[in-house]
Every structure is written in C-alpha cells, then in structure tokens.
Amino acid sequence: MKTIVVSSSMTLAIKYILPAMGLGLLLPFFVFLFSADSANYSGAIPVNIFRLVALAIPLSIFFLWRISVQRLMRVEVDAEYVYVSNYFETVRYTYSSVERIANSGFLIFDIVTIHLKAKGQFGTKIRFWAGSSWQETANELPLIQECFKTQPPKL
C-alpha cells in the first residue's frame, strides 16, 4: 500500500511561506523606522516608545506562531507505519509505538495529536492539521482505529 498524506497541504504555507512573506513586508518598515531621524518627529507619542511598541507587536506574533503553528508536522500513513516530517527530515514510527491518537477541533481547524509511548525525534506528541483525506484514511486503516480506542492514562 502506498503512503497517504493525511496532514493538510496548507501546513507548509503557514509554517514557512507566510512567515517569509511577513518578514519581507515588515523588514523595510523596521529599517525605515529605526534609521529615520528622530529630531524631525513631531508625533504625540515619544519616538522611542513608538519604536518599542512597533517592535513588540511583531515579536509577540512571532512568539505565538512559534509555540502554536511551528509544532505542526507533515504526517503520512500506510498500513504498517506512520511517517512524520518537519519538511527537512522524516521519521518512521510503527503503530505499536503509538499510544493513542486524539482528535480536537480548534476554531475551523481539525488538529490531530499522535501520542507516542516513548519520546521520539519530534517529542512524545506529534500534532498535525488534518487534511481532507484524514477522516477517510482513519476509517479505513484498522491500526489507526485501535489507536483511537486506546484511552488516555488516568492521572
């Protein structure tokens, strides 16, 4: 059986392309903002405060992007293995190394978390944005169904 990509193809765009475009648009603004002569500035807000606030907003957006979107992976499955990639390296896991699979919604997105029994290359939790083929593939492969049936450990 060939591998089926179950993560969304938009993962690549929101992980790498969108931030590169944002950087390309904001970089000239910051070069202008920090190289401009502050003696000619006549605004109501002091220029240094304006510069700090203008720098803090994209930095906070970058931090939120880093802790949420950057953790998303590309996931492919077949009858025997789960392949996880961060677009630079790919790791293969057997279904026996998967403890459980949890499906959760976030706004309009379907985020799936694969919990591993032991820490792997990308940690113990692998998150991906479910693509259009996820639901159909999850229903077809019996090993994925077994991972859904596994209950989380009681604390």
C-alpha atoms as a PDB file:
ATOM      1  CA  MET A   1       0.000   0.000   0.000  1.00  0.00           C
ATOM      2  CA  LYS A   2       1.325   3.443  -0.847  1.00  0.00           C
ATOM      3  CA  THR A   3       1.609   6.190   1.730  1.00  0.00           C
ATOM      4  CA  ILE A   4      -1.252   8.632   2.114  1.00  0.00           C
ATOM      5  CA  VAL A   5      -0.656  12.218   3.220  1.00  0.00           C
ATOM      6  CA  VAL A   6      -3.165  12.878   5.997  1.00  0.00           C
ATOM      7  CA  SER A   7      -1.934  16.323   7.027  1.00  0.00           C
ATOM      8  CA  SER A   8      -3.111  19.435   5.251  1.00  0.00           C
ATOM      9  CA  SER A   9      -1.026  20.831   2.422  1.00  0.00           C
ATOM     10  CA  MET A  10      -1.554  24.283   3.955  1.00  0.00           C
ATOM     11  CA  THR A  11       0.854  23.327   6.747  1.00  0.00           C
ATOM     12  CA  LEU A  12       3.809  24.189   4.520  1.00  0.00           C
ATOM     13  CA  ALA A  13       2.336  27.588   3.720  1.00  0.00           C
ATOM     14  CA  ILE A  14       1.592  28.607   7.303  1.00  0.00           C
ATOM     15  CA  LYS A  15       4.882  27.240   8.647  1.00  0.00           C
ATOM     16  CA  TYR A  16       7.314  28.692   6.121  1.00  0.00           C
ATOM     17  CA  ILE A  17       5.810  30.729   3.275  1.00  0.00           C
ATOM     18  CA  LEU A  18       3.582  33.066   5.315  1.00  0.00           C
ATOM     19  CA  PRO A  19       6.335  33.995   7.812  1.00  0.00           C
ATOM     20  CA  ALA A  20       8.809  34.630   4.982  1.00  0.00           C
ATOM     21  CA  MET A  21       6.315  36.945   3.292  1.00  0.00           C
ATOM     22  CA  GLY A  22       5.624  38.727   6.572  1.00  0.00           C
ATOM     23  CA  LEU A  23       9.318  39.221   7.178  1.00  0.00           C
ATOM     24  CA  GLY A  24       9.771  40.543   3.671  1.00  0.00           C
ATOM     25  CA  LEU A  25       7.000  43.085   4.200  1.00  0.00           C
ATOM     26  CA  LEU A  26       7.968  44.158   7.725  1.00  0.00           C
ATOM     27  CA  LEU A  27      11.741  44.351   7.297  1.00  0.00           C
ATOM     28  CA  PRO A  28      11.728  47.525   5.131  1.00  0.00           C
ATOM     29  CA  PHE A  29       9.299  49.142   7.600  1.00  0.00           C
ATOM     30  CA  PHE A  30      11.646  48.460  10.525  1.00  0.00           C
ATOM     31  CA  VAL A  31      14.720  49.598   8.598  1.00  0.00           C
ATOM     32  CA  PHE A  32      12.934  52.870   7.879  1.00  0.00           C
ATOM     33  CA  LEU A  33      11.561  53.167  11.413  1.00  0.00           C
ATOM     34  CA  PHE A  34      14.900  52.673  13.164  1.00  0.00           C
ATOM     35  CA  SER A  35      17.015  54.635  10.677  1.00  0.00           C
ATOM     36  CA  ALA A  36      14.747  57.669  10.474  1.00  0.00           C
ATOM     37  CA  ASP A  37      15.899  60.866  12.126  1.00  0.00           C
ATOM     38  CA  SER A  38      14.019  61.311  15.401  1.00  0.00           C
ATOM     39  CA  ALA A  39      14.700  65.082  15.514  1.00  0.00           C
ATOM     40  CA  ASN A  40      12.083  65.692  12.794  1.00  0.00           C
ATOM     41  CA  TYR A  41       9.446  63.542  14.527  1.00  0.00           C
ATOM     42  CA  SER A  42       6.503  65.588  15.865  1.00  0.00           C
ATOM     43  CA  GLY A  43       4.025  62.887  16.952  1.00  0.00           C
ATOM     44  CA  ALA A  44       2.145  62.714  20.254  1.00  0.00           C
ATOM     45  CA  ILE A  45       3.942  59.517  21.324  1.00  0.00           C
ATOM     46  CA  PRO A  46       7.690  59.761  22.037  1.00  0.00           C
ATOM     47  CA  VAL A  47       9.620  58.200  19.162  1.00  0.00           C
ATOM     48  CA  ASN A  48      11.445  55.609  21.297  1.00  0.00           C
ATOM     49  CA  ILE A  49       8.159  54.369  22.820  1.00  0.00           C
ATOM     50  CA  PHE A  50       6.667  54.161  19.326  1.00  0.00           C
ATOM     51  CA  ARG A  51       9.671  52.155  18.134  1.00  0.00           C
ATOM     52  CA  LEU A  52       9.448  49.749  21.072  1.00  0.00           C
ATOM     53  CA  VAL A  53       5.720  49.174  20.601  1.00  0.00           C
ATOM     54  CA  ALA A  54       6.172  48.744  16.849  1.00  0.00           C
ATOM     55  CA  LEU A  55       8.842  46.128  17.562  1.00  0.00           C
ATOM     56  CA  ALA A  56       6.894  44.383  20.358  1.00  0.00           C
ATOM     57  CA  ILE A  57       3.820  43.654  18.241  1.00  0.00           C
ATOM     58  CA  PRO A  58       5.560  41.523  15.556  1.00  0.00           C
ATOM     59  CA  LEU A  59       7.748  39.869  18.189  1.00  0.00           C
ATOM     60  CA  SER A  60       4.669  38.776  20.150  1.00  0.00           C
ATOM     61  CA  ILE A  61       3.065  37.482  16.932  1.00  0.00           C
ATOM     62  CA  PHE A  62       6.275  35.564  16.190  1.00  0.00           C
ATOM     63  CA  PHE A  63       6.250  34.068  19.700  1.00  0.00           C
ATOM     64  CA  LEU A  64       2.619  32.920  19.364  1.00  0.00           C
ATOM     65  CA  TRP A  65       3.364  31.484  15.907  1.00  0.00           C
ATOM     66  CA  ARG A  66       6.410  29.671  17.289  1.00  0.00           C
ATOM     67  CA  ILE A  67       4.518  27.929  20.125  1.00  0.00           C
ATOM     68  CA  SER A  68       1.450  27.047  18.067  1.00  0.00           C
ATOM     69  CA  VAL A  69       1.953  26.737  14.306  1.00  0.00           C
ATOM     70  CA  GLN A  70       5.621  25.733  14.283  1.00  0.00           C
ATOM     71  CA  ARG A  71       4.793  22.492  16.129  1.00  0.00           C
ATOM     72  CA  LEU A  72       2.617  21.226  13.277  1.00  0.00           C
ATOM     73  CA  MET A  73       4.125  18.370  11.272  1.00  0.00           C
ATOM     74  CA  ARG A  74       3.532  16.675   7.943  1.00  0.00           C
ATOM     75  CA  VAL A  75       2.131  13.173   8.517  1.00  0.00           C
ATOM     76  CA  GLU A  76       1.785  10.287   6.085  1.00  0.00           C
ATOM     77  CA  VAL A  77       0.440   6.824   6.873  1.00  0.00           C
ATOM     78  CA  ASP A  78       0.334   3.405   5.306  1.00  0.00           C
ATOM     79  CA  ALA A  79      -0.779   0.006   6.564  1.00  0.00           C
ATOM     80  CA  GLU A  80       2.335  -0.520   8.721  1.00  0.00           C
ATOM     81  CA  TYR A  81       3.924   2.837   9.559  1.00  0.00           C
ATOM     82  CA  VAL A  82       3.320   6.473  10.408  1.00  0.00           C
ATOM     83  CA  TYR A  83       5.766   8.852   8.705  1.00  0.00           C
ATOM     84  CA  VAL A  84       6.316  12.216  10.408  1.00  0.00           C
ATOM     85  CA  SER A  85       8.217  15.054   8.787  1.00  0.00           C
ATOM     86  CA  ASN A  86       9.121  18.631   9.604  1.00  0.00           C
ATOM     87  CA  TYR A  87       9.860  19.149   5.868  1.00  0.00           C
ATOM     88  CA  PHE A  88      13.606  18.657   6.454  1.00  0.00           C
ATOM     89  CA  GLU A  89      13.774  15.171   7.927  1.00  0.00           C
ATOM     90  CA  THR A  90      11.322  12.279   8.039  1.00  0.00           C
ATOM     91  CA  VAL A  91      10.953   9.751  10.858  1.00  0.00           C
ATOM     92  CA  ARG A  92       9.093   6.433  10.582  1.00  0.00           C
ATOM     93  CA  TYR A  93       7.118   5.082  13.545  1.00  0.00           C
ATOM     94  CA  THR A  94       5.321   1.768  13.835  1.00  0.00           C
ATOM     95  CA  TYR A  95       1.752   1.705  15.055  1.00  0.00           C
ATOM     96  CA  SER A  96       2.946  -0.256  18.106  1.00  0.00           C
ATOM     97  CA  SER A  97       4.917   2.824  19.214  1.00  0.00           C
ATOM     98  CA  VAL A  98       1.751   4.944  19.111  1.00  0.00           C
ATOM     99  CA  GLU A  99      -0.044   5.103  22.448  1.00  0.00           C
ATOM    100  CA  ARG A 100      -3.159   6.883  21.222  1.00  0.00           C
ATOM    101  CA  ILE A 101      -4.482   9.368  18.696  1.00  0.00           C
ATOM    102  CA  ALA A 102      -6.577  12.321  19.826  1.00  0.00           C
ATOM    103  CA  ASN A 103      -8.659  14.461  17.515  1.00  0.00           C
ATOM    104  CA  SER A 104      -9.538  18.004  18.605  1.00  0.00           C
ATOM    105  CA  GLY A 105     -11.006  20.996  16.892  1.00  0.00           C
ATOM    106  CA  PHE A 106      -9.567  24.488  17.060  1.00  0.00           C
ATOM    107  CA  LEU A 107     -11.904  27.063  15.523  1.00  0.00           C
ATOM    108  CA  ILE A 108     -12.356  25.738  11.965  1.00  0.00           C
ATOM    109  CA  PHE A 109      -9.235  23.550  12.023  1.00  0.00           C
ATOM    110  CA  ASP A 110      -9.084  19.868  12.849  1.00  0.00           C
ATOM    111  CA  ILE A 111      -5.904  19.289  14.876  1.00  0.00           C
ATOM    112  CA  VAL A 112      -4.862  15.663  15.450  1.00  0.00           C
ATOM    113  CA  THR A 113      -2.336  14.684  18.144  1.00  0.00           C
ATOM    114  CA  ILE A 114      -0.425  11.418  17.988  1.00  0.00           C
ATOM    115  CA  HIS A 115       0.807  10.412  21.456  1.00  0.00           C
ATOM    116  CA  LEU A 116       3.862   8.159  21.365  1.00  0.00           C
ATOM    117  CA  LYS A 117       4.752   5.614  24.058  1.00  0.00           C
ATOM    118  CA  ALA A 118       8.378   6.810  24.170  1.00  0.00           C
ATOM    119  CA  LYS A 119       9.999  10.081  23.200  1.00  0.00           C
ATOM    120  CA  GLY A 120      10.809  10.164  19.504  1.00  0.00           C
ATOM    121  CA  GLN A 121      12.715  12.527  17.234  1.00  0.00           C
ATOM    122  CA  PHE A 122       9.952  15.153  17.463  1.00  0.00           C
ATOM    123  CA  GLY A 123       8.919  14.504  21.083  1.00  0.00           C
ATOM    124  CA  THR A 124       6.104  12.461  22.580  1.00  0.00           C
ATOM    125  CA  LYS A 125       3.279  14.455  20.979  1.00  0.00           C
ATOM    126  CA  ILE A 126       3.059  14.934  17.238  1.00  0.00           C
ATOM    127  CA  ARG A 127       0.452  17.431  16.083  1.00  0.00           C
ATOM    128  CA  PHE A 128      -0.801  17.930  12.572  1.00  0.00           C
ATOM    129  CA  TRP A 129      -3.523  19.842  10.805  1.00  0.00           C
ATOM    130  CA  ALA A 130      -5.793  17.144   9.400  1.00  0.00           C
ATOM    131  CA  GLY A 131      -6.215  17.248   5.661  1.00  0.00           C
ATOM    132  CA  SER A 132      -9.207  16.187   3.615  1.00  0.00           C
ATOM    133  CA  SER A 133      -8.027  12.571   3.456  1.00  0.00           C
ATOM    134  CA  TRP A 134      -7.614  12.111   7.221  1.00  0.00           C
ATOM    135  CA  GLN A 135     -11.146  11.016   8.112  1.00  0.00           C
ATOM    136  CA  GLU A 136     -11.419   8.553   5.251  1.00  0.00           C
ATOM    137  CA  THR A 137      -7.974   7.093   5.930  1.00  0.00           C
ATOM    138  CA  ALA A 138      -8.604   6.826   9.669  1.00  0.00           C
ATOM    139  CA  ASN A 139     -11.784   4.868   8.988  1.00  0.00           C
ATOM    140  CA  GLU A 140     -10.074   2.506   6.510  1.00  0.00           C
ATOM    141  CA  LEU A 141      -6.946   1.516   8.436  1.00  0.00           C
ATOM    142  CA  PRO A 142      -7.662  -0.819  11.384  1.00  0.00           C
ATOM    143  CA  LEU A 143      -4.422   0.100  13.191  1.00  0.00           C
ATOM    144  CA  ILE A 144      -5.476   3.752  13.360  1.00  0.00           C
ATOM    145  CA  GLN A 145      -8.861   2.646  14.729  1.00  0.00           C
ATOM    146  CA  GLU A 146      -7.081   0.727  17.501  1.00  0.00           C
ATOM    147  CA  CYS A 147      -5.105   3.844  18.438  1.00  0.00           C
ATOM    148  CA  PHE A 148      -8.351   5.835  18.667  1.00  0.00           C
ATOM    149  CA  LYS A 149      -9.843   3.224  21.005  1.00  0.00           C
ATOM    150  CA  THR A 150      -6.938   3.429  23.443  1.00  0.00           C
ATOM    151  CA  GLN A 151      -7.951   5.522  26.414  1.00  0.00           C
ATOM    152  CA  PRO A 152      -5.626   8.109  27.924  1.00  0.00           C
ATOM    153  CA  PRO A 153      -3.963   7.148  31.199  1.00  0.00           C
ATOM    154  CA  LYS A 154      -5.803   8.144  34.376  1.00  0.00           C
ATOM    155  CA  LEU A 155      -3.995  10.723  36.494  1.00  0.00           C
END
